[in-house]
Protein backbone atom coordinates (compact mmCIF):
# COMPACT_ATOMS: atom_id res chain seq x y z
CA MET A 1 126.70 179.12 227.82
CA ALA A 2 127.67 181.61 224.87
CA GLU A 3 131.44 181.30 225.67
CA ALA A 4 131.01 177.25 224.75
CA THR A 5 130.46 177.81 220.72
CA ASN A 6 133.96 180.07 220.80
CA SER A 7 135.93 177.35 222.05
CA PRO A 8 137.59 175.20 219.63
CA LYS A 9 135.79 172.07 219.66
CA TYR A 10 133.29 174.18 217.93
CA ASN A 11 135.15 174.87 214.87
CA PHE A 12 133.37 172.06 212.68
CA LEU A 13 130.42 174.39 211.34
CA PHE A 14 129.73 173.08 207.72
CA PRO A 15 127.74 175.14 204.98
CA GLY A 16 124.53 174.45 204.79
CA GLN A 17 123.85 172.31 207.85
CA GLU A 18 121.73 174.86 209.80
CA GLU A 19 118.52 172.48 209.33
CA GLN A 20 120.62 169.46 210.34
CA TYR A 21 121.74 170.97 213.69
CA ARG A 22 118.18 172.27 214.22
CA ARG A 23 117.11 168.78 214.00
CA ALA A 24 119.54 167.81 216.61
CA ALA A 25 118.07 170.16 218.69
CA TRP A 26 114.78 169.10 218.40
CA ASP A 27 115.74 165.47 219.47
CA CYS A 28 117.07 166.65 222.03
CA LEU A 29 113.93 168.55 223.26
CA LYS A 30 112.23 165.57 222.31
CA LEU A 31 114.40 163.04 224.92
CA ALA A 32 114.30 165.61 227.66
CA GLU A 33 110.63 165.49 227.40
CA THR A 34 110.50 161.60 227.55
CA THR A 35 112.87 160.96 229.99
CA SER A 36 111.94 160.84 233.94
CA ASN A 37 115.51 161.60 235.19
CA PRO A 38 115.71 165.36 236.10
CA GLN A 39 119.54 165.28 235.22
CA THR A 40 119.02 164.09 231.74
CA SER A 41 116.65 165.92 231.45
CA SER A 42 118.52 169.41 232.34
CA ALA A 43 121.65 167.77 230.23
CA MET A 44 119.11 167.14 227.28
CA LEU A 45 117.98 170.90 227.24
CA ASN A 46 121.07 172.32 227.36
CA LEU A 47 122.24 170.06 224.61
CA ALA A 48 119.18 171.40 222.36
CA GLN A 49 120.46 174.93 223.10
CA GLU A 50 124.01 174.16 222.30
CA TRP A 51 122.67 172.52 219.15
CA VAL A 52 120.37 175.81 218.56
CA SER A 53 123.38 177.95 218.74
CA LEU A 54 125.59 175.94 216.59
CA ALA A 55 122.78 176.63 213.71
CA GLU A 56 122.52 180.20 214.48
CA GLN A 57 126.18 180.33 213.78
CA ALA A 58 126.07 178.28 210.81
CA GLU A 59 123.31 180.56 209.20
CA ARG A 60 125.56 183.89 210.00
CA ASN A 61 128.88 182.20 208.45
CA ASP A 62 126.83 181.29 205.54
CA GLN A 63 125.45 184.94 205.50
CA TYR A 64 129.14 186.45 206.07
CA ARG A 65 130.35 184.20 202.92
CA LEU A 66 127.93 184.84 200.46
CA ALA A 67 128.30 188.61 201.12
CA GLY A 68 132.08 188.40 201.05
CA TYR A 69 131.87 186.30 197.41
CA ARG A 70 129.49 189.35 196.26
CA ALA A 71 131.97 192.04 197.54
CA LYS A 72 134.98 189.95 195.41
CA ALA A 73 132.75 190.20 192.53
CA TRP A 74 132.02 194.12 192.57
CA GLU A 75 135.81 194.61 192.98
CA CYS A 76 136.46 192.47 189.61
CA LEU A 77 133.55 193.99 188.19
CA SER A 78 134.63 197.42 188.96
CA LEU A 79 138.57 196.95 188.24
CA ALA A 80 137.03 195.56 185.02
CA GLU A 81 136.12 198.94 183.84
CA SER A 82 139.12 200.66 184.61
CA VAL A 83 141.46 198.32 182.99
CA ASN A 84 142.73 199.33 179.18
CA ASP A 85 143.93 195.95 178.23
CA PRO A 86 141.08 194.28 176.77
CA GLU A 87 142.60 190.75 177.71
CA ARG A 88 142.78 191.56 181.61
CA ARG A 89 139.10 192.80 181.13
CA VAL A 90 137.89 189.63 179.94
CA ASP A 91 139.53 188.07 182.79
CA LEU A 92 137.98 190.19 185.47
CA LEU A 93 134.85 190.28 184.19
CA LEU A 94 135.00 185.94 184.00
CA PHE A 95 136.23 186.12 187.93
CA GLY A 96 133.61 188.64 188.71
CA ARG A 97 131.04 186.06 187.16
CA MET A 98 132.39 182.94 188.88
CA TRP A 99 132.41 184.84 192.59
CA LEU A 100 128.69 186.17 191.64
CA SER A 101 128.23 182.56 190.56
CA LEU A 102 128.91 181.35 194.25
CA THR A 103 126.11 182.98 195.26
CA GLU A 104 123.58 181.37 193.20
CA PRO A 105 121.98 177.78 194.83
CA ILE A 106 123.10 174.94 193.42
CA GLU A 107 120.73 172.94 191.21
CA ASP A 108 119.55 169.79 192.97
CA ASP A 109 120.75 167.39 189.83
CA LEU A 110 124.36 166.86 191.15
CA ARG A 111 126.37 164.58 189.52
CA GLY A 112 129.52 162.85 189.50
CA ALA A 113 132.25 163.94 186.79
CA TYR A 114 131.34 160.81 184.92
CA GLU A 115 127.88 160.61 185.41
CA LEU A 116 125.35 161.60 182.36
CA PRO A 117 122.68 163.87 182.90
CA PRO A 118 119.20 162.11 183.86
CA ARG A 119 117.75 163.01 180.25
CA LEU A 120 120.84 161.12 178.52
CA ALA A 121 121.00 158.49 181.07
CA ALA A 122 117.71 156.58 179.78
């Protein structure tokens, strides 16, 4: 079963999708519980295990991605300390901030480029 998660057909993991993968596993478990056919029940249990594996893999990917962003940020910040050129130092500090900002949670009020903030739209 573990080798199936490494196959190319499972390379569609998206950041932040762990909850949807777990919901799909839960749905498979409910279907397995309600069916009277043992083969269908077995297939649904196997599918639920696959969805749980995908959720776990997506969680690991998110953790590695965030660690990579932090490492890049610290690299830029430490380089900024050793650079003599003030413009280059400012650039490195800005890049470090940008990398760190990728580790912060996204606000709920995402909007398109042409949409006004809710307080201004009214």
